[in-house]
Amino acid sequence: QQCDTFLIVRNIIKNMYSRLWCVAELVLVFAYGESSVQVIGKMPLRAKESGNDIGLNATCTVPEDVQLLLETIELTDLDANALVAKAIRAPPGSILRRRRVA
């Protein structure tokens, strides 16, 4: 059974989308999830929507996971960087809709 809501829990210390696992989770919930996606918490004041350490350029502490995560994201045919930018821009309390899977 799936949950009704997928929560994006942000914090003001670290841009979560500089972590490749967080990017992958966001993309996968939009690609395959049937729950709504709700944003709570604030991003760091200087959070950027793109860059050399955000989205598909994010880092992963386990080197073996990087290729697996990037390949998994690629299989969705979604624009991971655009989804990250959308999540960063969303005000706290926003509900982001995901794509319906046929």
PDB file of N, CA and C in Angstrom:
ATOM      1  N   GLN A   1       0.844  -1.174   0.000  1.00  0.00           N
ATOM      2  CA  GLN A   1       0.000   0.000   0.000  1.00  0.00           C
ATOM      3  C   GLN A   1       0.890   1.238   0.000  1.00  0.00           C
ATOM      4  N   GLN A   2       0.526   2.228  -0.816  1.00  0.00           N
ATOM      5  CA  GLN A   2       1.296   3.453  -0.886  1.00  0.00           C
ATOM      6  C   GLN A   2       0.782   4.477   0.108  1.00  0.00           C
ATOM      7  N   CYS A   3       1.656   5.391   0.449  1.00  0.00           N
ATOM      8  CA  CYS A   3       1.245   6.488   1.325  1.00  0.00           C
ATOM      9  C   CYS A   3       0.418   7.491   0.524  1.00  0.00           C
ATOM     10  N   ASP A   4      -0.331   8.327   1.230  1.00  0.00           N
ATOM     11  CA  ASP A   4      -1.132   9.357   0.570  1.00  0.00           C
ATOM     12  C   ASP A   4      -0.300  10.564   0.172  1.00  0.00           C
ATOM     13  N   THR A   5       0.737  10.868   0.961  1.00  0.00           N
ATOM     14  CA  THR A   5       1.560  12.045   0.718  1.00  0.00           C
ATOM     15  C   THR A   5       3.029  11.719   0.902  1.00  0.00           C
ATOM     16  N   PHE A   6       3.831  12.149  -0.058  1.00  0.00           N
ATOM     17  CA  PHE A   6       5.289  12.071   0.032  1.00  0.00           C
ATOM     18  C   PHE A   6       5.755  13.436   0.510  1.00  0.00           C
ATOM     19  N   LEU A   7       6.453  13.489   1.641  1.00  0.00           N
ATOM     20  CA  LEU A   7       6.892  14.764   2.196  1.00  0.00           C
ATOM     21  C   LEU A   7       8.317  15.081   1.794  1.00  0.00           C
ATOM     22  N   ILE A   8       8.524  16.296   1.348  1.00  0.00           N
ATOM     23  CA  ILE A   8       9.853  16.838   1.146  1.00  0.00           C
ATOM     24  C   ILE A   8      10.126  17.693   2.380  1.00  0.00           C
ATOM     25  N   VAL A   9      11.017  17.232   3.231  1.00  0.00           N
ATOM     26  CA  VAL A   9      11.310  17.936   4.481  1.00  0.00           C
ATOM     27  C   VAL A   9      12.634  18.670   4.310  1.00  0.00           C
ATOM     28  N   ARG A  10      12.543  19.968   4.079  1.00  0.00           N
ATOM     29  CA  ARG A  10      13.734  20.785   3.841  1.00  0.00           C
ATOM     30  C   ARG A  10      14.267  21.346   5.157  1.00  0.00           C
ATOM     31  N   ASN A  11      15.502  21.825   5.121  1.00  0.00           N
ATOM     32  CA  ASN A  11      16.070  22.502   6.281  1.00  0.00           C
ATOM     33  C   ASN A  11      16.870  23.708   5.815  1.00  0.00           C
ATOM     34  N   ILE A  12      17.085  24.646   6.703  1.00  0.00           N
ATOM     35  CA  ILE A  12      17.747  25.898   6.307  1.00  0.00           C
ATOM     36  C   ILE A  12      19.268  25.793   6.316  1.00  0.00           C
ATOM     37  N   ILE A  13      19.808  24.647   6.696  1.00  0.00           N
ATOM     38  CA  ILE A  13      21.257  24.483   6.779  1.00  0.00           C
ATOM     39  C   ILE A  13      21.862  23.972   5.473  1.00  0.00           C
ATOM     40  N   LYS A  14      21.232  22.997   4.854  1.00  0.00           N
ATOM     41  CA  LYS A  14      21.820  22.308   3.697  1.00  0.00           C
ATOM     42  C   LYS A  14      20.796  22.174   2.584  1.00  0.00           C
ATOM     43  N   ASN A  15      21.198  22.483   1.364  1.00  0.00           N
ATOM     44  CA  ASN A  15      20.335  22.244   0.212  1.00  0.00           C
ATOM     45  C   ASN A  15      20.312  20.743  -0.038  1.00  0.00           C
ATOM     46  N   MET A  16      19.184  20.125   0.241  1.00  0.00           N
ATOM     47  CA  MET A  16      19.085  18.677   0.140  1.00  0.00           C
ATOM     48  C   MET A  16      19.363  18.155  -1.272  1.00  0.00           C
ATOM     49  N   TYR A  17      19.180  18.997  -2.275  1.00  0.00           N
ATOM     50  CA  TYR A  17      19.378  18.544  -3.648  1.00  0.00           C
ATOM     51  C   TYR A  17      20.829  18.613  -4.100  1.00  0.00           C
ATOM     52  N   SER A  18      21.734  18.811  -3.130  1.00  0.00           N
ATOM     53  CA  SER A  18      23.156  18.602  -3.387  1.00  0.00           C
ATOM     54  C   SER A  18      23.515  17.154  -3.051  1.00  0.00           C
ATOM     55  N   ARG A  19      22.520  16.388  -2.617  1.00  0.00           N
ATOM     56  CA  ARG A  19      22.681  14.950  -2.319  1.00  0.00           C
ATOM     57  C   ARG A  19      21.967  14.155  -3.410  1.00  0.00           C
ATOM     58  N   LEU A  20      22.698  13.311  -4.088  1.00  0.00           N
ATOM     59  CA  LEU A  20      22.147  12.569  -5.223  1.00  0.00           C
ATOM     60  C   LEU A  20      20.995  11.656  -4.817  1.00  0.00           C
ATOM     61  N   TRP A  21      21.045  11.089  -3.613  1.00  0.00           N
ATOM     62  CA  TRP A  21      19.934  10.244  -3.164  1.00  0.00           C
ATOM     63  C   TRP A  21      18.641  11.044  -3.083  1.00  0.00           C
ATOM     64  N   CYS A  22      18.716  12.288  -2.611  1.00  0.00           N
ATOM     65  CA  CYS A  22      17.515  13.135  -2.509  1.00  0.00           C
ATOM     66  C   CYS A  22      16.973  13.477  -3.892  1.00  0.00           C
ATOM     67  N   VAL A  23      17.863  13.719  -4.828  1.00  0.00           N
ATOM     68  CA  VAL A  23      17.453  13.984  -6.216  1.00  0.00           C
ATOM     69  C   VAL A  23      16.737  12.756  -6.774  1.00  0.00           C
ATOM     70  N   ALA A  24      17.320  11.580  -6.559  1.00  0.00           N
ATOM     71  CA  ALA A  24      16.719  10.341  -7.069  1.00  0.00           C
ATOM     72  C   ALA A  24      15.344  10.104  -6.459  1.00  0.00           C
ATOM     73  N   GLU A  25      15.198  10.321  -5.162  1.00  0.00           N
ATOM     74  CA  GLU A  25      13.898  10.125  -4.517  1.00  0.00           C
ATOM     75  C   GLU A  25      12.847  11.058  -5.108  1.00  0.00           C
ATOM     76  N   LEU A  26      13.215  12.312  -5.340  1.00  0.00           N
ATOM     77  CA  LEU A  26      12.283  13.271  -5.926  1.00  0.00           C
ATOM     78  C   LEU A  26      11.834  12.818  -7.310  1.00  0.00           C
ATOM     79  N   VAL A  27      12.782  12.438  -8.137  1.00  0.00           N
ATOM     80  CA  VAL A  27      12.461  12.001  -9.500  1.00  0.00           C
ATOM     81  C   VAL A  27      11.594  10.746  -9.471  1.00  0.00           C
ATOM     82  N   LEU A  28      11.933   9.801  -8.628  1.00  0.00           N
ATOM     83  CA  LEU A  28      11.178   8.545  -8.591  1.00  0.00           C
ATOM     84  C   LEU A  28       9.747   8.741  -8.103  1.00  0.00           C
ATOM     85  N   VAL A  29       9.529   9.625  -7.152  1.00  0.00           N
ATOM     86  CA  VAL A  29       8.152   9.836  -6.697  1.00  0.00           C
ATOM     87  C   VAL A  29       7.326  10.505  -7.784  1.00  0.00           C
ATOM     88  N   PHE A  30       7.951  11.378  -8.578  1.00  0.00           N
ATOM     89  CA  PHE A  30       7.217  11.991  -9.680  1.00  0.00           C
ATOM     90  C   PHE A  30       6.975  11.000 -10.806  1.00  0.00           C
ATOM     91  N   ALA A  31       7.889  10.077 -11.011  1.00  0.00           N
ATOM     92  CA  ALA A  31       7.764   9.120 -12.105  1.00  0.00           C
ATOM     93  C   ALA A  31       6.804   7.986 -11.788  1.00  0.00           C
ATOM     94  N   TYR A  32       6.857   7.486 -10.563  1.00  0.00           N
ATOM     95  CA  TYR A  32       6.135   6.253 -10.263  1.00  0.00           C
ATOM     96  C   TYR A  32       5.154   6.354  -9.105  1.00  0.00           C
ATOM     97  N   GLY A  33       5.261   7.399  -8.307  1.00  0.00           N
ATOM     98  CA  GLY A  33       4.406   7.524  -7.141  1.00  0.00           C
ATOM     99  C   GLY A  33       2.994   7.926  -7.503  1.00  0.00           C
ATOM    100  N   GLU A  34       2.059   7.489  -6.718  1.00  0.00           N
ATOM    101  CA  GLU A  34       0.672   7.892  -6.903  1.00  0.00           C
ATOM    102  C   GLU A  34       0.224   8.834  -5.799  1.00  0.00           C
ATOM    103  N   SER A  35       1.117   9.133  -4.866  1.00  0.00           N
ATOM    104  CA  SER A  35       0.777  10.043  -3.779  1.00  0.00           C
ATOM    105  C   SER A  35       1.070  11.478  -4.200  1.00  0.00           C
ATOM    106  N   SER A  36       0.458  12.416  -3.488  1.00  0.00           N
ATOM    107  CA  SER A  36       0.807  13.808  -3.732  1.00  0.00           C
ATOM    108  C   SER A  36       2.165  14.074  -3.087  1.00  0.00           C
ATOM    109  N   VAL A  37       2.780  15.170  -3.464  1.00  0.00           N
ATOM    110  CA  VAL A  37       4.086  15.535  -2.948  1.00  0.00           C
ATOM    111  C   VAL A  37       3.941  16.883  -2.257  1.00  0.00           C
ATOM    112  N   GLN A  38       4.232  16.922  -0.956  1.00  0.00           N
ATOM    113  CA  GLN A  38       4.087  18.157  -0.192  1.00  0.00           C
ATOM    114  C   GLN A  38       5.447  18.618   0.318  1.00  0.00           C
ATOM    115  N   VAL A  39       5.677  19.920   0.237  1.00  0.00           N
ATOM    116  CA  VAL A  39       6.920  20.537   0.672  1.00  0.00           C
ATOM    117  C   VAL A  39       6.713  21.158   2.046  1.00  0.00           C
ATOM    118  N   ILE A  40       7.584  20.810   2.990  1.00  0.00           N
ATOM    119  CA  ILE A  40       7.560  21.481   4.284  1.00  0.00           C
ATOM    120  C   ILE A  40       8.978  21.932   4.622  1.00  0.00           C
ATOM    121  N   GLY A  41       9.093  22.968   5.417  1.00  0.00           N
ATOM    122  CA  GLY A  41      10.399  23.498   5.797  1.00  0.00           C
ATOM    123  C   GLY A  41      10.911  24.503   4.782  1.00  0.00           C
ATOM    124  N   LYS A  42      11.939  25.229   5.190  1.00  0.00           N
ATOM    125  CA  LYS A  42      12.538  26.261   4.343  1.00  0.00           C
ATOM    126  C   LYS A  42      13.879  25.798   3.804  1.00  0.00           C
ATOM    127  N   MET A  43      14.198  26.286   2.628  1.00  0.00           N
ATOM    128  CA  MET A  43      15.513  26.041   2.039  1.00  0.00           C
ATOM    129  C   MET A  43      16.505  27.027   2.641  1.00  0.00           C
ATOM    130  N   PRO A  44      17.812  26.747   2.520  1.00  0.00           N
ATOM    131  CA  PRO A  44      18.796  27.746   2.935  1.00  0.00           C
ATOM    132  C   PRO A  44      18.556  29.060   2.196  1.00  0.00           C
ATOM    133  N   LEU A  45      18.861  30.170   2.816  1.00  0.00           N
ATOM    134  CA  LEU A  45      18.592  31.478   2.220  1.00  0.00           C
ATOM    135  C   LEU A  45      19.213  31.640   0.840  1.00  0.00           C
ATOM    136  N   ARG A  46      20.383  31.105   0.638  1.00  0.00           N
ATOM    137  CA  ARG A  46      21.071  31.261  -0.642  1.00  0.00           C
ATOM    138  C   ARG A  46      20.964  30.008  -1.524  1.00  0.00           C
ATOM    139  N   ALA A  47      19.944  29.222  -1.318  1.00  0.00           N
ATOM    140  CA  ALA A  47      19.780  27.994  -2.113  1.00  0.00           C
ATOM    141  C   ALA A  47      19.614  28.349  -3.572  1.00  0.00           C
ATOM    142  N   LYS A  48      20.395  27.715  -4.407  1.00  0.00           N
ATOM    143  CA  LYS A  48      20.292  27.955  -5.838  1.00  0.00           C
ATOM    144  C   LYS A  48      19.544  26.814  -6.493  1.00  0.00           C
ATOM    145  N   GLU A  49      18.948  27.116  -7.639  1.00  0.00           N
ATOM    146  CA  GLU A  49      18.121  26.132  -8.337  1.00  0.00           C
ATOM    147  C   GLU A  49      18.924  25.242  -9.262  1.00  0.00           C
ATOM    148  N   SER A  50      20.141  25.616  -9.551  1.00  0.00           N
ATOM    149  CA  SER A  50      20.998  24.800 -10.406  1.00  0.00           C
ATOM    150  C   SER A  50      22.450  25.122 -10.060  1.00  0.00           C
ATOM    151  N   GLY A  51      23.340  24.302 -10.556  1.00  0.00           N
ATOM    152  CA  GLY A  51      24.753  24.545 -10.302  1.00  0.00           C
ATOM    153  C   GLY A  51      25.560  23.272 -10.408  1.00  0.00           C
ATOM    154  N   ASN A  52      26.849  23.415 -10.111  1.00  0.00           N
ATOM    155  CA  ASN A  52      27.736  22.266 -10.276  1.00  0.00           C
ATOM    156  C   ASN A  52      27.659  21.283  -9.111  1.00  0.00           C
ATOM    157  N   ASP A  53      26.769  21.518  -8.150  1.00  0.00           N
ATOM    158  CA  ASP A  53      26.613  20.572  -7.050  1.00  0.00           C
ATOM    159  C   ASP A  53      25.148  20.285  -6.737  1.00  0.00           C
ATOM    160  N   ILE A  54      24.261  20.570  -7.696  1.00  0.00           N
ATOM    161  CA  ILE A  54      22.825  20.427  -7.497  1.00  0.00           C
ATOM    162  C   ILE A  54      22.251  19.517  -8.587  1.00  0.00           C
ATOM    163  N   GLY A  55      21.167  18.835  -8.300  1.00  0.00           N
ATOM    164  CA  GLY A  55      20.489  18.022  -9.314  1.00  0.00           C
ATOM    165  C   GLY A  55      21.357  16.868  -9.784  1.00  0.00           C
ATOM    166  N   LEU A  56      21.481  16.712 -11.063  1.00  0.00           N
ATOM    167  CA  LEU A  56      22.282  15.606 -11.611  1.00  0.00           C
ATOM    168  C   LEU A  56      23.765  15.753 -11.312  1.00  0.00           C
ATOM    169  N   ASN A  57      24.186  16.909 -10.859  1.00  0.00           N
ATOM    170  CA  ASN A  57      25.581  17.132 -10.455  1.00  0.00           C
ATOM    171  C   ASN A  57      25.784  16.952  -8.954  1.00  0.00           C
ATOM    172  N   ALA A  58      24.757  16.500  -8.255  1.00  0.00           N
ATOM    173  CA  ALA A  58      24.849  16.312  -6.808  1.00  0.00           C
ATOM    174  C   ALA A  58      25.853  15.210  -6.481  1.00  0.00           C
ATOM    175  N   THR A  59      26.259  15.180  -5.228  1.00  0.00           N
ATOM    176  CA  THR A  59      27.256  14.210  -4.802  1.00  0.00           C
ATOM    177  C   THR A  59      26.621  13.071  -4.016  1.00  0.00           C
ATOM    178  N   CYS A  60      27.408  12.028  -3.855  1.00  0.00           N
ATOM    179  CA  CYS A  60      26.979  10.853  -3.110  1.00  0.00           C
ATOM    180  C   CYS A  60      28.191  10.347  -2.336  1.00  0.00           C
ATOM    181  N   THR A  61      28.024  10.043  -1.066  1.00  0.00           N
ATOM    182  CA  THR A  61      29.160   9.614  -0.251  1.00  0.00           C
ATOM    183  C   THR A  61      29.624   8.192  -0.574  1.00  0.00           C
ATOM    184  N   VAL A  62      28.775   7.427  -1.234  1.00  0.00           N
ATOM    185  CA  VAL A  62      29.145   6.058  -1.614  1.00  0.00           C
ATOM    186  C   VAL A  62      29.389   6.042  -3.122  1.00  0.00           C
ATOM    187  N   PRO A  63      30.647   6.006  -3.533  1.00  0.00           N
ATOM    188  CA  PRO A  63      30.957   6.089  -4.968  1.00  0.00           C
ATOM    189  C   PRO A  63      30.234   5.047  -5.825  1.00  0.00           C
ATOM    190  N   GLU A  64      30.015   3.862  -5.279  1.00  0.00           N
ATOM    191  CA  GLU A  64      29.350   2.803  -6.044  1.00  0.00           C
ATOM    192  C   GLU A  64      27.892   3.138  -6.337  1.00  0.00           C
ATOM    193  N   ASP A  65      27.295   4.017  -5.564  1.00  0.00           N
ATOM    194  CA  ASP A  65      25.886   4.377  -5.758  1.00  0.00           C
ATOM    195  C   ASP A  65      25.674   5.392  -6.875  1.00  0.00           C
ATOM    196  N   VAL A  66      26.697   6.164  -7.198  1.00  0.00           N
ATOM    197  CA  VAL A  66      26.531   7.264  -8.154  1.00  0.00           C
ATOM    198  C   VAL A  66      26.005   6.768  -9.495  1.00  0.00           C
ATOM    199  N   GLN A  67      26.660   5.790 -10.093  1.00  0.00           N
ATOM    200  CA  GLN A  67      26.238   5.291 -11.404  1.00  0.00           C
ATOM    201  C   GLN A  67      24.849   4.679 -11.345  1.00  0.00           C
ATOM    202  N   LEU A  68      24.571   3.912 -10.308  1.00  0.00           N
ATOM    203  CA  LEU A  68      23.250   3.297 -10.142  1.00  0.00           C
ATOM    204  C   LEU A  68      22.160   4.361 -10.055  1.00  0.00           C
ATOM    205  N   LEU A  69      22.380   5.391  -9.258  1.00  0.00           N
ATOM    206  CA  LEU A  69      21.379   6.451  -9.106  1.00  0.00           C
ATOM    207  C   LEU A  69      21.174   7.211 -10.408  1.00  0.00           C
ATOM    208  N   LEU A  70      22.257   7.552 -11.090  1.00  0.00           N
ATOM    209  CA  LEU A  70      22.129   8.282 -12.355  1.00  0.00           C
ATOM    210  C   LEU A  70      21.402   7.449 -13.413  1.00  0.00           C
ATOM    211  N   GLU A  71      21.694   6.163 -13.476  1.00  0.00           N
ATOM    212  CA  GLU A  71      21.008   5.292 -14.429  1.00  0.00           C
ATOM    213  C   GLU A  71      19.525   5.155 -14.083  1.00  0.00           C
ATOM    214  N   THR A  72      19.226   5.065 -12.807  1.00  0.00           N
ATOM    215  CA  THR A  72      17.834   4.962 -12.368  1.00  0.00           C
ATOM    216  C   THR A  72      17.064   6.222 -12.727  1.00  0.00           C
ATOM    217  N   ILE A  73      17.657   7.376 -12.478  1.00  0.00           N
ATOM    218  CA  ILE A  73      17.032   8.655 -12.835  1.00  0.00           C
ATOM    219  C   ILE A  73      16.804   8.732 -14.341  1.00  0.00           C
ATOM    220  N   GLU A  74      17.793   8.319 -15.104  1.00  0.00           N
ATOM    221  CA  GLU A  74      17.695   8.372 -16.570  1.00  0.00           C
ATOM    222  C   GLU A  74      16.550   7.500 -17.096  1.00  0.00           C
ATOM    223  N   LEU A  75      16.292   6.382 -16.465  1.00  0.00           N
ATOM    224  CA  LEU A  75      15.223   5.479 -16.899  1.00  0.00           C
ATOM    225  C   LEU A  75      13.842   6.121 -16.829  1.00  0.00           C
ATOM    226  N   THR A  76      13.667   7.148 -16.016  1.00  0.00           N
ATOM    227  CA  THR A  76      12.360   7.784 -15.855  1.00  0.00           C
ATOM    228  C   THR A  76      12.012   8.717 -17.013  1.00  0.00           C
ATOM    229  N   ASP A  77      13.003   9.149 -17.775  1.00  0.00           N
ATOM    230  CA  ASP A  77      12.811  10.125 -18.856  1.00  0.00           C
ATOM    231  C   ASP A  77      12.301  11.472 -18.352  1.00  0.00           C
ATOM    232  N   LEU A  78      12.479  11.750 -17.065  1.00  0.00           N
ATOM    233  CA  LEU A  78      12.094  13.045 -16.517  1.00  0.00           C
ATOM    234  C   LEU A  78      13.318  13.950 -16.426  1.00  0.00           C
ATOM    235  N   ASP A  79      13.089  15.241 -16.442  1.00  0.00           N
ATOM    236  CA  ASP A  79      14.158  16.225 -16.317  1.00  0.00           C
ATOM    237  C   ASP A  79      14.420  16.454 -14.832  1.00  0.00           C
ATOM    238  N   ALA A  80      15.411  15.751 -14.306  1.00  0.00           N
ATOM    239  CA  ALA A  80      15.706  15.822 -12.875  1.00  0.00           C
ATOM    240  C   ALA A  80      16.050  17.243 -12.442  1.00  0.00           C
ATOM    241  N   ASN A  81      16.818  17.958 -13.238  1.00  0.00           N
ATOM    242  CA  ASN A  81      17.199  19.318 -12.861  1.00  0.00           C
ATOM    243  C   ASN A  81      15.992  20.249 -12.804  1.00  0.00           C
ATOM    244  N   ALA A  82      15.046  20.068 -13.701  1.00  0.00           N
ATOM    245  CA  ALA A  82      13.827  20.886 -13.675  1.00  0.00           C
ATOM    246  C   ALA A  82      12.984  20.568 -12.448  1.00  0.00           C
ATOM    247  N   LEU A  83      12.906  19.292 -12.079  1.00  0.00           N
ATOM    248  CA  LEU A  83      12.154  18.915 -10.877  1.00  0.00           C
ATOM    249  C   LEU A  83      12.806  19.479  -9.619  1.00  0.00           C
ATOM    250  N   VAL A  84      14.123  19.447  -9.571  1.00  0.00           N
ATOM    251  CA  VAL A  84      14.846  20.013  -8.432  1.00  0.00           C
ATOM    252  C   VAL A  84      14.576  21.510  -8.337  1.00  0.00           C
ATOM    253  N   ALA A  85      14.653  22.216  -9.460  1.00  0.00           N
ATOM    254  CA  ALA A  85      14.387  23.662  -9.462  1.00  0.00           C
ATOM    255  C   ALA A  85      12.963  23.944  -8.982  1.00  0.00           C
ATOM    256  N   LYS A  86      12.022  23.135  -9.423  1.00  0.00           N
ATOM    257  CA  LYS A  86      10.625  23.302  -9.004  1.00  0.00           C
ATOM    258  C   LYS A  86      10.483  23.102  -7.497  1.00  0.00           C
ATOM    259  N   ALA A  87      11.131  22.080  -6.963  1.00  0.00           N
ATOM    260  CA  ALA A  87      11.047  21.808  -5.527  1.00  0.00           C
ATOM    261  C   ALA A  87      11.728  22.904  -4.710  1.00  0.00           C
ATOM    262  N   ILE A  88      12.821  23.443  -5.214  1.00  0.00           N
ATOM    263  CA  ILE A  88      13.519  24.510  -4.499  1.00  0.00           C
ATOM    264  C   ILE A  88      12.683  25.785  -4.487  1.00  0.00           C
ATOM    265  N   ARG A  89      12.033  26.100  -5.596  1.00  0.00           N
ATOM    266  CA  ARG A  89      11.215  27.317  -5.696  1.00  0.00           C
ATOM    267  C   ARG A  89       9.912  27.234  -4.902  1.00  0.00           C
ATOM    268  N   ALA A  90       9.442  26.034  -4.641  1.00  0.00           N
ATOM    269  CA  ALA A  90       8.134  25.866  -3.997  1.00  0.00           C
ATOM    270  C   ALA A  90       8.146  26.411  -2.574  1.00  0.00           C
ATOM    271  N   PRO A  91       7.166  27.252  -2.248  1.00  0.00           N
ATOM    272  CA  PRO A  91       7.084  27.750  -0.865  1.00  0.00           C
ATOM    273  C   PRO A  91       6.678  26.634   0.093  1.00  0.00           C
ATOM    274  N   PRO A  92       7.082  26.745   1.372  1.00  0.00           N
ATOM    275  CA  PRO A  92       6.666  25.746   2.356  1.00  0.00           C
ATOM    276  C   PRO A  92       5.141  25.591   2.351  1.00  0.00           C
ATOM    277  N   GLY A  93       4.688  24.359   2.452  1.00  0.00           N
ATOM    278  CA  GLY A  93       3.252  24.072   2.437  1.00  0.00           C
ATOM    279  C   GLY A  93       2.710  23.758   1.057  1.00  0.00           C
ATOM    280  N   SER A  94       3.523  23.968   0.036  1.00  0.00           N
ATOM    281  CA  SER A  94       3.083  23.691  -1.335  1.00  0.00           C
ATOM    282  C   SER A  94       2.857  22.204  -1.540  1.00  0.00           C
ATOM    283  N   ILE A  95       1.898  21.905  -2.386  1.00  0.00           N
ATOM    284  CA  ILE A  95       1.688  20.529  -2.812  1.00  0.00           C
ATOM    285  C   ILE A  95       2.043  20.470  -4.286  1.00  0.00           C
ATOM    286  N   LEU A  96       3.046  19.680  -4.594  1.00  0.00           N
ATOM    287  CA  LEU A  96       3.490  19.503  -5.975  1.00  0.00           C
ATOM    288  C   LEU A  96       2.817  18.264  -6.538  1.00  0.00           C
ATOM    289  N   ARG A  97       2.262  18.378  -7.685  1.00  0.00           N
ATOM    290  CA  ARG A  97       1.596  17.222  -8.304  1.00  0.00           C
ATOM    291  C   ARG A  97       2.605  16.442  -9.121  1.00  0.00           C
ATOM    292  N   ARG A  98       2.437  15.176  -9.128  1.00  0.00           N
ATOM    293  CA  ARG A  98       3.311  14.327  -9.919  1.00  0.00           C
ATOM    294  C   ARG A  98       2.574  13.853 -11.172  1.00  0.00           C
ATOM    295  N   ARG A  99       3.355  13.394 -12.075  1.00  0.00           N
ATOM    296  CA  ARG A  99       2.830  12.882 -13.350  1.00  0.00           C
ATOM    297  C   ARG A  99       2.116  11.570 -13.101  1.00  0.00           C
ATOM    298  N   ARG A 100       1.005  11.361 -13.755  1.00  0.00           N
ATOM    299  CA  ARG A 100       0.268  10.095 -13.648  1.00  0.00           C
ATOM    300  C   ARG A 100       0.936   9.051 -14.514  1.00  0.00           C
ATOM    301  N   VAL A 101       1.057   7.869 -13.967  1.00  0.00           N
ATOM    302  CA  VAL A 101       1.622   6.751 -14.712  1.00  0.00           C
ATOM    303  C   VAL A 101       0.476   5.971 -15.329  1.00  0.00           C
ATOM    304  N   ALA A 102       0.564   5.750 -16.629  1.00  0.00           N
ATOM    305  CA  ALA A 102      -0.521   5.046 -17.342  1.00  0.00           C
ATOM    306  C   ALA A 102      -0.530   3.573 -17.002  1.00  0.00           C
TER     307      ALA A 102
END
